[in-house]
Amino acid sequence: MLTVYTYKSCDTCRQAVKWLAAQNIAFTEKPIRENPPSFAELRTMLAHLVGERRRLCNTSGKDYRDQKLGDILDTLSEPDFLARLAANGNLIKRPFLLRATPPLGLVGFNIPSWQAALRPKA
């Protein structure tokens, strides 16, 4: 089962949810601000992103800018980085999609990428 973290006022999140529904792909939607991904989920996503921390962050968000996270991103330990994100869903790029089996992690919404990743394997 897919879990998709979204923000209700995010057009991209609404497009992603609409696209998943149109593809008849079952998913569970969770509000990213009220219920951010867990530390373990964030660690899993970071592994899917091959450790690219910036790709996991909502770099255009106010909280990211206010905390000057871009300036310290590479100096934080991985546990400190992930703990910050787990405590504040505003810092996380959305939509945020995870699937345990087979493993999949996607951030942001790009139709060709999502089609390729979610297409049934022959």
PDB file of N, CA and C in Angstrom:
ATOM      1  N   MET A   1       0.841  -1.182   0.000  1.00  0.00           N
ATOM      2  CA  MET A   1       0.000   0.000   0.000  1.00  0.00           C
ATOM      3  C   MET A   1       0.884   1.243   0.000  1.00  0.00           C
ATOM      4  N   LEU A   2       0.479   2.217  -0.753  1.00  0.00           N
ATOM      5  CA  LEU A   2       1.186   3.500  -0.813  1.00  0.00           C
ATOM      6  C   LEU A   2       0.693   4.413   0.303  1.00  0.00           C
ATOM      7  N   THR A   3       1.606   5.176   0.840  1.00  0.00           N
ATOM      8  CA  THR A   3       1.260   6.257   1.754  1.00  0.00           C
ATOM      9  C   THR A   3       1.733   7.545   1.101  1.00  0.00           C
ATOM     10  N   VAL A   4       0.826   8.512   1.013  1.00  0.00           N
ATOM     11  CA  VAL A   4       1.150   9.791   0.395  1.00  0.00           C
ATOM     12  C   VAL A   4       0.878  10.892   1.412  1.00  0.00           C
ATOM     13  N   TYR A   5       1.933  11.613   1.754  1.00  0.00           N
ATOM     14  CA  TYR A   5       1.807  12.761   2.644  1.00  0.00           C
ATOM     15  C   TYR A   5       1.577  13.994   1.779  1.00  0.00           C
ATOM     16  N   THR A   6       0.535  14.747   2.124  1.00  0.00           N
ATOM     17  CA  THR A   6       0.157  15.915   1.335  1.00  0.00           C
ATOM     18  C   THR A   6      -0.164  17.093   2.242  1.00  0.00           C
ATOM     19  N   TYR A   7      -0.254  18.262   1.622  1.00  0.00           N
ATOM     20  CA  TYR A   7      -0.702  19.471   2.303  1.00  0.00           C
ATOM     21  C   TYR A   7      -1.947  19.941   1.569  1.00  0.00           C
ATOM     22  N   LYS A   8      -3.020  20.186   2.309  1.00  0.00           N
ATOM     23  CA  LYS A   8      -4.325  20.456   1.700  1.00  0.00           C
ATOM     24  C   LYS A   8      -4.336  21.684   0.786  1.00  0.00           C
ATOM     25  N   SER A   9      -3.479  22.665   1.019  1.00  0.00           N
ATOM     26  CA  SER A   9      -3.466  23.871   0.192  1.00  0.00           C
ATOM     27  C   SER A   9      -2.448  23.805  -0.947  1.00  0.00           C
ATOM     28  N   CYS A  10      -1.862  22.663  -1.148  1.00  0.00           N
ATOM     29  CA  CYS A  10      -0.828  22.487  -2.170  1.00  0.00           C
ATOM     30  C   CYS A  10      -1.464  21.960  -3.456  1.00  0.00           C
ATOM     31  N   ASP A  11      -1.400  22.768  -4.517  1.00  0.00           N
ATOM     32  CA  ASP A  11      -1.954  22.352  -5.809  1.00  0.00           C
ATOM     33  C   ASP A  11      -1.279  21.087  -6.332  1.00  0.00           C
ATOM     34  N   THR A  12       0.025  20.998  -6.171  1.00  0.00           N
ATOM     35  CA  THR A  12       0.760  19.832  -6.656  1.00  0.00           C
ATOM     36  C   THR A  12       0.298  18.570  -5.926  1.00  0.00           C
ATOM     37  N   CYS A  13       0.059  18.692  -4.632  1.00  0.00           N
ATOM     38  CA  CYS A  13      -0.436  17.539  -3.864  1.00  0.00           C
ATOM     39  C   CYS A  13      -1.808  17.116  -4.361  1.00  0.00           C
ATOM     40  N   ARG A  14      -2.668  18.086  -4.608  1.00  0.00           N
ATOM     41  CA  ARG A  14      -4.010  17.763  -5.114  1.00  0.00           C
ATOM     42  C   ARG A  14      -3.922  17.093  -6.482  1.00  0.00           C
ATOM     43  N   GLN A  15      -3.023  17.561  -7.326  1.00  0.00           N
ATOM     44  CA  GLN A  15      -2.839  16.941  -8.648  1.00  0.00           C
ATOM     45  C   GLN A  15      -2.360  15.493  -8.503  1.00  0.00           C
ATOM     46  N   ALA A  16      -1.435  15.264  -7.579  1.00  0.00           N
ATOM     47  CA  ALA A  16      -0.900  13.917  -7.372  1.00  0.00           C
ATOM     48  C   ALA A  16      -1.992  12.966  -6.888  1.00  0.00           C
ATOM     49  N   VAL A  17      -2.792  13.412  -5.937  1.00  0.00           N
ATOM     50  CA  VAL A  17      -3.883  12.587  -5.402  1.00  0.00           C
ATOM     51  C   VAL A  17      -4.910  12.300  -6.499  1.00  0.00           C
ATOM     52  N   LYS A  18      -5.232  13.318  -7.258  1.00  0.00           N
ATOM     53  CA  LYS A  18      -6.182  13.151  -8.366  1.00  0.00           C
ATOM     54  C   LYS A  18      -5.631  12.158  -9.390  1.00  0.00           C
ATOM     55  N   TRP A  19      -4.345  12.261  -9.702  1.00  0.00           N
ATOM     56  CA  TRP A  19      -3.711  11.361 -10.663  1.00  0.00           C
ATOM     57  C   TRP A  19      -3.731   9.920 -10.149  1.00  0.00           C
ATOM     58  N   LEU A  20      -3.366   9.720  -8.874  1.00  0.00           N
ATOM     59  CA  LEU A  20      -3.385   8.371  -8.301  1.00  0.00           C
ATOM     60  C   LEU A  20      -4.784   7.766  -8.380  1.00  0.00           C
ATOM     61  N   ALA A  21      -5.790   8.562  -8.032  1.00  0.00           N
ATOM     62  CA  ALA A  21      -7.174   8.075  -8.084  1.00  0.00           C
ATOM     63  C   ALA A  21      -7.568   7.718  -9.516  1.00  0.00           C
ATOM     64  N   ALA A  22      -7.185   8.543 -10.489  1.00  0.00           N
ATOM     65  CA  ALA A  22      -7.511   8.287 -11.898  1.00  0.00           C
ATOM     66  C   ALA A  22      -6.827   7.023 -12.411  1.00  0.00           C
ATOM     67  N   GLN A  23      -5.682   6.672 -11.824  1.00  0.00           N
ATOM     68  CA  GLN A  23      -4.949   5.461 -12.218  1.00  0.00           C
ATOM     69  C   GLN A  23      -5.434   4.231 -11.455  1.00  0.00           C
ATOM     70  N   ASN A  24      -6.433   4.421 -10.583  1.00  0.00           N
ATOM     71  CA  ASN A  24      -6.948   3.335  -9.729  1.00  0.00           C
ATOM     72  C   ASN A  24      -5.853   2.714  -8.873  1.00  0.00           C
ATOM     73  N   ILE A  25      -4.982   3.564  -8.370  1.00  0.00           N
ATOM     74  CA  ILE A  25      -3.905   3.121  -7.483  1.00  0.00           C
ATOM     75  C   ILE A  25      -4.346   3.401  -6.051  1.00  0.00           C
ATOM     76  N   ALA A  26      -4.415   2.347  -5.248  1.00  0.00           N
ATOM     77  CA  ALA A  26      -4.836   2.488  -3.857  1.00  0.00           C
ATOM     78  C   ALA A  26      -3.746   3.190  -3.049  1.00  0.00           C
ATOM     79  N   PHE A  27      -4.155   4.093  -2.183  1.00  0.00           N
ATOM     80  CA  PHE A  27      -3.199   4.814  -1.342  1.00  0.00           C
ATOM     81  C   PHE A  27      -3.885   5.323  -0.092  1.00  0.00           C
ATOM     82  N   THR A  28      -3.064   5.601   0.890  1.00  0.00           N
ATOM     83  CA  THR A  28      -3.514   6.255   2.115  1.00  0.00           C
ATOM     84  C   THR A  28      -2.921   7.645   2.107  1.00  0.00           C
ATOM     85  N   GLU A  29      -3.761   8.641   2.329  1.00  0.00           N
ATOM     86  CA  GLU A  29      -3.296  10.029   2.345  1.00  0.00           C
ATOM     87  C   GLU A  29      -3.184  10.501   3.791  1.00  0.00           C
ATOM     88  N   LYS A  30      -2.078  11.173   4.091  1.00  0.00           N
ATOM     89  CA  LYS A  30      -1.850  11.708   5.440  1.00  0.00           C
ATOM     90  C   LYS A  30      -1.466  13.175   5.327  1.00  0.00           C
ATOM     91  N   PRO A  31      -1.949  13.992   6.259  1.00  0.00           N
ATOM     92  CA  PRO A  31      -1.587  15.417   6.245  1.00  0.00           C
ATOM     93  C   PRO A  31      -0.166  15.620   6.766  1.00  0.00           C
ATOM     94  N   ILE A  32       0.699  16.161   5.926  1.00  0.00           N
ATOM     95  CA  ILE A  32       2.123  16.262   6.259  1.00  0.00           C
ATOM     96  C   ILE A  32       2.400  17.245   7.391  1.00  0.00           C
ATOM     97  N   ARG A  33       1.601  18.295   7.507  1.00  0.00           N
ATOM     98  CA  ARG A  33       1.843  19.265   8.584  1.00  0.00           C
ATOM     99  C   ARG A  33       1.385  18.736   9.932  1.00  0.00           C
ATOM    100  N   GLU A  34       0.237  18.112   9.966  1.00  0.00           N
ATOM    101  CA  GLU A  34      -0.316  17.622  11.226  1.00  0.00           C
ATOM    102  C   GLU A  34       0.288  16.286  11.647  1.00  0.00           C
ATOM    103  N   ASN A  35       0.713  15.497  10.668  1.00  0.00           N
ATOM    104  CA  ASN A  35       1.220  14.155  10.935  1.00  0.00           C
ATOM    105  C   ASN A  35       2.433  13.896  10.032  1.00  0.00           C
ATOM    106  N   PRO A  36       3.561  14.559  10.306  1.00  0.00           N
ATOM    107  CA  PRO A  36       4.736  14.403   9.432  1.00  0.00           C
ATOM    108  C   PRO A  36       5.222  12.956   9.388  1.00  0.00           C
ATOM    109  N   PRO A  37       5.938  12.608   8.332  1.00  0.00           N
ATOM    110  CA  PRO A  37       6.532  11.271   8.274  1.00  0.00           C
ATOM    111  C   PRO A  37       7.421  11.032   9.502  1.00  0.00           C
ATOM    112  N   SER A  38       7.471   9.785   9.908  1.00  0.00           N
ATOM    113  CA  SER A  38       8.289   9.425  11.069  1.00  0.00           C
ATOM    114  C   SER A  38       9.776   9.504  10.715  1.00  0.00           C
ATOM    115  N   PHE A  39      10.580   9.469  11.748  1.00  0.00           N
ATOM    116  CA  PHE A  39      12.036   9.444  11.577  1.00  0.00           C
ATOM    117  C   PHE A  39      12.423   8.284  10.657  1.00  0.00           C
ATOM    118  N   ALA A  40      11.839   7.105  10.906  1.00  0.00           N
ATOM    119  CA  ALA A  40      12.158   5.923  10.098  1.00  0.00           C
ATOM    120  C   ALA A  40      11.723   6.109   8.648  1.00  0.00           C
ATOM    121  N   GLU A  41      10.550   6.688   8.420  1.00  0.00           N
ATOM    122  CA  GLU A  41      10.089   6.940   7.053  1.00  0.00           C
ATOM    123  C   GLU A  41      11.006   7.940   6.349  1.00  0.00           C
ATOM    124  N   LEU A  42      11.434   8.959   7.073  1.00  0.00           N
ATOM    125  CA  LEU A  42      12.334   9.950   6.491  1.00  0.00           C
ATOM    126  C   LEU A  42      13.688   9.315   6.151  1.00  0.00           C
ATOM    127  N   ARG A  43      14.172   8.450   7.003  1.00  0.00           N
ATOM    128  CA  ARG A  43      15.441   7.755   6.736  1.00  0.00           C
ATOM    129  C   ARG A  43      15.297   6.878   5.489  1.00  0.00           C
ATOM    130  N   THR A  44      14.172   6.209   5.369  1.00  0.00           N
ATOM    131  CA  THR A  44      13.906   5.383   4.187  1.00  0.00           C
ATOM    132  C   THR A  44      13.882   6.240   2.927  1.00  0.00           C
ATOM    133  N   MET A  45      13.182   7.385   3.005  1.00  0.00           N
ATOM    134  CA  MET A  45      13.109   8.263   1.834  1.00  0.00           C
ATOM    135  C   MET A  45      14.483   8.796   1.477  1.00  0.00           C
ATOM    136  N   LEU A  46      15.266   9.169   2.473  1.00  0.00           N
ATOM    137  CA  LEU A  46      16.612   9.673   2.198  1.00  0.00           C
ATOM    138  C   LEU A  46      17.446   8.618   1.463  1.00  0.00           C
ATOM    139  N   ALA A  47      17.259   7.362   1.817  1.00  0.00           N
ATOM    140  CA  ALA A  47      17.960   6.284   1.116  1.00  0.00           C
ATOM    141  C   ALA A  47      17.484   6.204  -0.342  1.00  0.00           C
ATOM    142  N   HIS A  48      16.182   6.368  -0.576  1.00  0.00           N
ATOM    143  CA  HIS A  48      15.666   6.369  -1.956  1.00  0.00           C
ATOM    144  C   HIS A  48      16.242   7.539  -2.753  1.00  0.00           C
ATOM    145  N   LEU A  49      16.540   8.626  -2.062  1.00  0.00           N
ATOM    146  CA  LEU A  49      17.097   9.811  -2.712  1.00  0.00           C
ATOM    147  C   LEU A  49      18.621   9.790  -2.734  1.00  0.00           C
ATOM    148  N   VAL A  50      19.196   8.648  -2.429  1.00  0.00           N
ATOM    149  CA  VAL A  50      20.641   8.418  -2.430  1.00  0.00           C
ATOM    150  C   VAL A  50      21.357   9.470  -1.566  1.00  0.00           C
ATOM    151  N   GLY A  51      20.757   9.789  -0.432  1.00  0.00           N
ATOM    152  CA  GLY A  51      21.379  10.695   0.521  1.00  0.00           C
ATOM    153  C   GLY A  51      21.313  12.173   0.173  1.00  0.00           C
ATOM    154  N   GLU A  52      20.620  12.522  -0.887  1.00  0.00           N
ATOM    155  CA  GLU A  52      20.545  13.927  -1.310  1.00  0.00           C
ATOM    156  C   GLU A  52      19.543  14.691  -0.428  1.00  0.00           C
ATOM    157  N   ARG A  53      20.052  15.246   0.646  1.00  0.00           N
ATOM    158  CA  ARG A  53      19.219  15.910   1.642  1.00  0.00           C
ATOM    159  C   ARG A  53      18.356  17.034   1.070  1.00  0.00           C
ATOM    160  N   ARG A  54      18.926  17.843   0.215  1.00  0.00           N
ATOM    161  CA  ARG A  54      18.198  18.998  -0.329  1.00  0.00           C
ATOM    162  C   ARG A  54      16.930  18.559  -1.061  1.00  0.00           C
ATOM    163  N   ARG A  55      16.978  17.392  -1.719  1.00  0.00           N
ATOM    164  CA  ARG A  55      15.807  16.895  -2.444  1.00  0.00           C
ATOM    165  C   ARG A  55      14.673  16.514  -1.502  1.00  0.00           C
ATOM    166  N   LEU A  56      14.991  16.256  -0.253  1.00  0.00           N
ATOM    167  CA  LEU A  56      13.986  15.888   0.744  1.00  0.00           C
ATOM    168  C   LEU A  56      13.330  17.116   1.373  1.00  0.00           C
ATOM    169  N   CYS A  57      13.916  18.274   1.154  1.00  0.00           N
ATOM    170  CA  CYS A  57      13.460  19.505   1.812  1.00  0.00           C
ATOM    171  C   CYS A  57      12.567  20.362   0.930  1.00  0.00           C
ATOM    172  N   ASN A  58      11.623  21.023   1.582  1.00  0.00           N
ATOM    173  CA  ASN A  58      10.790  22.032   0.935  1.00  0.00           C
ATOM    174  C   ASN A  58      11.590  23.336   0.958  1.00  0.00           C
ATOM    175  N   THR A  59      12.506  23.463   0.007  1.00  0.00           N
ATOM    176  CA  THR A  59      13.455  24.579   0.008  1.00  0.00           C
ATOM    177  C   THR A  59      12.796  25.926  -0.259  1.00  0.00           C
ATOM    178  N   SER A  60      11.587  25.930  -0.780  1.00  0.00           N
ATOM    179  CA  SER A  60      10.899  27.209  -1.028  1.00  0.00           C
ATOM    180  C   SER A  60      10.004  27.609   0.140  1.00  0.00           C
ATOM    181  N   GLY A  61       9.960  26.792   1.174  1.00  0.00           N
ATOM    182  CA  GLY A  61       9.092  27.070   2.313  1.00  0.00           C
ATOM    183  C   GLY A  61       9.661  28.095   3.279  1.00  0.00           C
ATOM    184  N   LYS A  62       8.754  28.796   3.956  1.00  0.00           N
ATOM    185  CA  LYS A  62       9.121  29.822   4.936  1.00  0.00           C
ATOM    186  C   LYS A  62       9.921  29.229   6.100  1.00  0.00           C
ATOM    187  N   ASP A  63       9.494  28.086   6.612  1.00  0.00           N
ATOM    188  CA  ASP A  63      10.203  27.478   7.743  1.00  0.00           C
ATOM    189  C   ASP A  63      11.638  27.128   7.368  1.00  0.00           C
ATOM    190  N   TYR A  64      11.843  26.630   6.166  1.00  0.00           N
ATOM    191  CA  TYR A  64      13.184  26.285   5.682  1.00  0.00           C
ATOM    192  C   TYR A  64      14.046  27.544   5.651  1.00  0.00           C
ATOM    193  N   ARG A  65      13.491  28.628   5.107  1.00  0.00           N
ATOM    194  CA  ARG A  65      14.240  29.892   5.029  1.00  0.00           C
ATOM    195  C   ARG A  65      14.463  30.487   6.425  1.00  0.00           C
ATOM    196  N   ASP A  66      13.433  30.504   7.255  1.00  0.00           N
ATOM    197  CA  ASP A  66      13.557  31.087   8.593  1.00  0.00           C
ATOM    198  C   ASP A  66      14.615  30.365   9.434  1.00  0.00           C
ATOM    199  N   GLN A  67      14.695  29.071   9.283  1.00  0.00           N
ATOM    200  CA  GLN A  67      15.685  28.293  10.044  1.00  0.00           C
ATOM    201  C   GLN A  67      17.064  28.301   9.376  1.00  0.00           C
ATOM    202  N   LYS A  68      17.143  28.942   8.191  1.00  0.00           N
ATOM    203  CA  LYS A  68      18.396  28.969   7.430  1.00  0.00           C
ATOM    204  C   LYS A  68      18.956  27.552   7.258  1.00  0.00           C
ATOM    205  N   LEU A  69      18.038  26.630   7.033  1.00  0.00           N
ATOM    206  CA  LEU A  69      18.418  25.227   6.923  1.00  0.00           C
ATOM    207  C   LEU A  69      19.376  24.979   5.761  1.00  0.00           C
ATOM    208  N   GLY A  70      19.208  25.735   4.681  1.00  0.00           N
ATOM    209  CA  GLY A  70      20.107  25.583   3.539  1.00  0.00           C
ATOM    210  C   GLY A  70      21.558  25.839   3.896  1.00  0.00           C
ATOM    211  N   ASP A  71      21.783  26.753   4.864  1.00  0.00           N
ATOM    212  CA  ASP A  71      23.150  27.096   5.265  1.00  0.00           C
ATOM    213  C   ASP A  71      23.815  26.012   6.108  1.00  0.00           C
ATOM    214  N   ILE A  72      22.998  25.209   6.800  1.00  0.00           N
ATOM    215  CA  ILE A  72      23.566  24.223   7.729  1.00  0.00           C
ATOM    216  C   ILE A  72      23.274  22.778   7.322  1.00  0.00           C
ATOM    217  N   LEU A  73      22.580  22.617   6.218  1.00  0.00           N
ATOM    218  CA  LEU A  73      22.123  21.299   5.787  1.00  0.00           C
ATOM    219  C   LEU A  73      23.238  20.259   5.782  1.00  0.00           C
ATOM    220  N   ASP A  74      24.383  20.603   5.249  1.00  0.00           N
ATOM    221  CA  ASP A  74      25.480  19.640   5.119  1.00  0.00           C
ATOM    222  C   ASP A  74      26.289  19.470   6.402  1.00  0.00           C
ATOM    223  N   THR A  75      26.073  20.338   7.382  1.00  0.00           N
ATOM    224  CA  THR A  75      26.835  20.231   8.627  1.00  0.00           C
ATOM    225  C   THR A  75      26.080  19.460   9.707  1.00  0.00           C
ATOM    226  N   LEU A  76      24.777  19.278   9.527  1.00  0.00           N
ATOM    227  CA  LEU A  76      23.989  18.534  10.509  1.00  0.00           C
ATOM    228  C   LEU A  76      24.277  17.043  10.402  1.00  0.00           C
ATOM    229  N   SER A  77      24.267  16.377  11.535  1.00  0.00           N
ATOM    230  CA  SER A  77      24.359  14.915  11.479  1.00  0.00           C
ATOM    231  C   SER A  77      23.055  14.401  10.865  1.00  0.00           C
ATOM    232  N   GLU A  78      23.087  13.214  10.314  1.00  0.00           N
ATOM    233  CA  GLU A  78      21.858  12.660   9.729  1.00  0.00           C
ATOM    234  C   GLU A  78      20.737  12.565  10.768  1.00  0.00           C
ATOM    235  N   PRO A  79      21.003  12.071  11.998  1.00  0.00           N
ATOM    236  CA  PRO A  79      19.928  12.029  12.985  1.00  0.00           C
ATOM    237  C   PRO A  79      19.350  13.413  13.307  1.00  0.00           C
ATOM    238  N   ASP A  80      20.201  14.435  13.412  1.00  0.00           N
ATOM    239  CA  ASP A  80      19.712  15.785  13.690  1.00  0.00           C
ATOM    240  C   ASP A  80      18.873  16.311  12.531  1.00  0.00           C
ATOM    241  N   PHE A  81      19.338  16.069  11.318  1.00  0.00           N
ATOM    242  CA  PHE A  81      18.607  16.498  10.125  1.00  0.00           C
ATOM    243  C   PHE A  81      17.228  15.846  10.077  1.00  0.00           C
ATOM    244  N   LEU A  82      17.186  14.530  10.231  1.00  0.00           N
ATOM    245  CA  LEU A  82      15.920  13.814  10.153  1.00  0.00           C
ATOM    246  C   LEU A  82      14.992  14.167  11.306  1.00  0.00           C
ATOM    247  N   ALA A  83      15.543  14.412  12.483  1.00  0.00           N
ATOM    248  CA  ALA A  83      14.715  14.805  13.628  1.00  0.00           C
ATOM    249  C   ALA A  83      14.048  16.158  13.385  1.00  0.00           C
ATOM    250  N   ARG A  84      14.767  17.089  12.772  1.00  0.00           N
ATOM    251  CA  ARG A  84      14.169  18.391  12.433  1.00  0.00           C
ATOM    252  C   ARG A  84      12.983  18.215  11.497  1.00  0.00           C
ATOM    253  N   LEU A  85      13.153  17.384  10.483  1.00  0.00           N
ATOM    254  CA  LEU A  85      12.074  17.164   9.526  1.00  0.00           C
ATOM    255  C   LEU A  85      10.902  16.430  10.166  1.00  0.00           C
ATOM    256  N   ALA A  86      11.193  15.430  10.984  1.00  0.00           N
ATOM    257  CA  ALA A  86      10.124  14.671  11.639  1.00  0.00           C
ATOM    258  C   ALA A  86       9.304  15.553  12.578  1.00  0.00           C
ATOM    259  N   ALA A  87       9.918  16.599  13.094  1.00  0.00           N
ATOM    260  CA  ALA A  87       9.225  17.511  14.026  1.00  0.00           C
ATOM    261  C   ALA A  87       8.462  18.617  13.313  1.00  0.00           C
ATOM    262  N   ASN A  88       8.722  18.807  12.006  1.00  0.00           N
ATOM    263  CA  ASN A  88       8.101  19.923  11.293  1.00  0.00           C
ATOM    264  C   ASN A  88       7.849  19.538   9.832  1.00  0.00           C
ATOM    265  N   GLY A  89       6.622  19.119   9.551  1.00  0.00           N
ATOM    266  CA  GLY A  89       6.255  18.703   8.203  1.00  0.00           C
ATOM    267  C   GLY A  89       6.401  19.789   7.156  1.00  0.00           C
ATOM    268  N   ASN A  90       6.424  21.060   7.582  1.00  0.00           N
ATOM    269  CA  ASN A  90       6.604  22.164   6.630  1.00  0.00           C
ATOM    270  C   ASN A  90       7.971  22.119   5.961  1.00  0.00           C
ATOM    271  N   LEU A  91       8.918  21.443   6.574  1.00  0.00           N
ATOM    272  CA  LEU A  91      10.278  21.379   6.026  1.00  0.00           C
ATOM    273  C   LEU A  91      10.436  20.321   4.935  1.00  0.00           C
ATOM    274  N   ILE A  92       9.432  19.479   4.769  1.00  0.00           N
ATOM    275  CA  ILE A  92       9.545  18.321   3.884  1.00  0.00           C
ATOM    276  C   ILE A  92       8.899  18.600   2.528  1.00  0.00           C
ATOM    277  N   LYS A  93       9.611  18.235   1.473  1.00  0.00           N
ATOM    278  CA  LYS A  93       9.070  18.376   0.114  1.00  0.00           C
ATOM    279  C   LYS A  93       7.850  17.477  -0.019  1.00  0.00           C
ATOM    280  N   ARG A  94       6.861  17.988  -0.708  1.00  0.00           N
ATOM    281  CA  ARG A  94       5.620  17.256  -0.897  1.00  0.00           C
ATOM    282  C   ARG A  94       5.180  17.328  -2.349  1.00  0.00           C
ATOM    283  N   PRO A  95       4.336  16.403  -2.753  1.00  0.00           N
ATOM    284  CA  PRO A  95       3.898  15.218  -2.021  1.00  0.00           C
ATOM    285  C   PRO A  95       5.072  14.266  -1.764  1.00  0.00           C
ATOM    286  N   PHE A  96       4.881  13.474  -0.736  1.00  0.00           N
ATOM    287  CA  PHE A  96       5.894  12.556  -0.222  1.00  0.00           C
ATOM    288  C   PHE A  96       5.252  11.175  -0.258  1.00  0.00           C
ATOM    289  N   LEU A  97       5.727  10.302  -1.156  1.00  0.00           N
ATOM    290  CA  LEU A  97       5.103   8.997  -1.360  1.00  0.00           C
ATOM    291  C   LEU A  97       6.069   7.896  -0.974  1.00  0.00           C
ATOM    292  N   LEU A  98       5.590   6.980  -0.140  1.00  0.00           N
ATOM    293  CA  LEU A  98       6.391   5.817   0.254  1.00  0.00           C
ATOM    294  C   LEU A  98       5.592   4.538   0.055  1.00  0.00           C
ATOM    295  N   ARG A  99       6.294   3.496  -0.337  1.00  0.00           N
ATOM    296  CA  ARG A  99       5.710   2.153  -0.398  1.00  0.00           C
ATOM    297  C   ARG A  99       6.770   1.206   0.133  1.00  0.00           C
ATOM    298  N   ALA A 100       6.339   0.285   1.008  1.00  0.00           N
ATOM    299  CA  ALA A 100       7.284  -0.656   1.611  1.00  0.00           C
ATOM    300  C   ALA A 100       7.665  -1.781   0.654  1.00  0.00           C
ATOM    301  N   THR A 101       6.658  -2.363  -0.039  1.00  0.00           N
ATOM    302  CA  THR A 101       6.919  -3.521  -0.879  1.00  0.00           C
ATOM    303  C   THR A 101       6.185  -3.416  -2.205  1.00  0.00           C
ATOM    304  N   PRO A 102       6.871  -3.491  -3.326  1.00  0.00           N
ATOM    305  CA  PRO A 102       8.321  -3.329  -3.421  1.00  0.00           C
ATOM    306  C   PRO A 102       8.707  -1.910  -3.032  1.00  0.00           C
ATOM    307  N   PRO A 103       9.907  -1.710  -2.518  1.00  0.00           N
ATOM    308  CA  PRO A 103      10.321  -0.404  -1.996  1.00  0.00           C
ATOM    309  C   PRO A 103      10.237   0.700  -3.048  1.00  0.00           C
ATOM    310  N   LEU A 104       9.671   1.822  -2.621  1.00  0.00           N
ATOM    311  CA  LEU A 104       9.549   2.978  -3.498  1.00  0.00           C
ATOM    312  C   LEU A 104       9.466   4.230  -2.648  1.00  0.00           C
ATOM    313  N   GLY A 105      10.135   5.276  -3.084  1.00  0.00           N
ATOM    314  CA  GLY A 105      10.052   6.578  -2.435  1.00  0.00           C
ATOM    315  C   GLY A 105      10.132   7.676  -3.474  1.00  0.00           C
ATOM    316  N   LEU A 106       9.152   8.567  -3.463  1.00  0.00           N
ATOM    317  CA  LEU A 106       9.112   9.690  -4.397  1.00  0.00           C
ATOM    318  C   LEU A 106       8.768  10.967  -3.641  1.00  0.00           C
ATOM    319  N   VAL A 107       9.419  12.061  -3.999  1.00  0.00           N
ATOM    320  CA  VAL A 107       9.030  13.373  -3.477  1.00  0.00           C
ATOM    321  C   VAL A 107       8.791  14.286  -4.668  1.00  0.00           C
ATOM    322  N   GLY A 108       7.840  15.212  -4.492  1.00  0.00           N
ATOM    323  CA  GLY A 108       7.445  16.052  -5.607  1.00  0.00           C
ATOM    324  C   GLY A 108       6.575  15.234  -6.540  1.00  0.00           C
ATOM    325  N   PHE A 109       5.896  15.905  -7.462  1.00  0.00           N
ATOM    326  CA  PHE A 109       5.021  15.194  -8.389  1.00  0.00           C
ATOM    327  C   PHE A 109       5.423  15.496  -9.812  1.00  0.00           C
ATOM    328  N   ASN A 110       5.795  14.435 -10.502  1.00  0.00           N
ATOM    329  CA  ASN A 110       6.166  14.513 -11.905  1.00  0.00           C
ATOM    330  C   ASN A 110       5.506  13.303 -12.571  1.00  0.00           C
ATOM    331  N   ILE A 111       4.530  13.550 -13.443  1.00  0.00           N
ATOM    332  CA  ILE A 111       3.740  12.455 -14.011  1.00  0.00           C
ATOM    333  C   ILE A 111       4.616  11.379 -14.666  1.00  0.00           C
ATOM    334  N   PRO A 112       5.551  11.730 -15.567  1.00  0.00           N
ATOM    335  CA  PRO A 112       6.358  10.656 -16.168  1.00  0.00           C
ATOM    336  C   PRO A 112       7.122   9.819 -15.133  1.00  0.00           C
ATOM    337  N   SER A 113       7.669  10.475 -14.120  1.00  0.00           N
ATOM    338  CA  SER A 113       8.409   9.740 -13.080  1.00  0.00           C
ATOM    339  C   SER A 113       7.479   8.837 -12.287  1.00  0.00           C
ATOM    340  N   TRP A 114       6.310   9.356 -11.927  1.00  0.00           N
ATOM    341  CA  TRP A 114       5.362   8.555 -11.163  1.00  0.00           C
ATOM    342  C   TRP A 114       4.828   7.405 -12.009  1.00  0.00           C
ATOM    343  N   GLN A 115       4.563   7.652 -13.287  1.00  0.00           N
ATOM    344  CA  GLN A 115       4.099   6.563 -14.161  1.00  0.00           C
ATOM    345  C   GLN A 115       5.138   5.464 -14.241  1.00  0.00           C
ATOM    346  N   ALA A 116       6.373   5.841 -14.443  1.00  0.00           N
ATOM    347  CA  ALA A 116       7.450   4.846 -14.550  1.00  0.00           C
ATOM    348  C   ALA A 116       7.611   4.058 -13.253  1.00  0.00           C
ATOM    349  N   ALA A 117       7.529   4.741 -12.136  1.00  0.00           N
ATOM    350  CA  ALA A 117       7.748   4.085 -10.844  1.00  0.00           C
ATOM    351  C   ALA A 117       6.558   3.212 -10.414  1.00  0.00           C
ATOM    352  N   LEU A 118       5.364   3.628 -10.812  1.00  0.00           N
ATOM    353  CA  LEU A 118       4.168   2.928 -10.345  1.00  0.00           C
ATOM    354  C   LEU A 118       3.558   1.977 -11.380  1.00  0.00           C
ATOM    355  N   ARG A 119       4.141   1.938 -12.557  1.00  0.00           N
ATOM    356  CA  ARG A 119       3.654   1.039 -13.610  1.00  0.00           C
ATOM    357  C   ARG A 119       3.872  -0.398 -13.161  1.00  0.00           C
ATOM    358  N   PRO A 120       2.868  -1.234 -13.327  1.00  0.00           N
ATOM    359  CA  PRO A 120       3.059  -2.653 -12.972  1.00  0.00           C
ATOM    360  C   PRO A 120       4.200  -3.255 -13.776  1.00  0.00           C
ATOM    361  N   LYS A 121       5.036  -4.007 -13.118  1.00  0.00           N
ATOM    362  CA  LYS A 121       6.176  -4.660 -13.773  1.00  0.00           C
ATOM    363  C   LYS A 121       5.686  -5.918 -14.501  1.00  0.00           C
ATOM    364  N   ALA A 122       6.181  -6.100 -15.717  1.00  0.00           N
ATOM    365  CA  ALA A 122       5.771  -7.258 -16.527  1.00  0.00           C
ATOM    366  C   ALA A 122       6.512  -8.504 -16.113  1.00  0.00           C
TER     367      ALA A 122
END
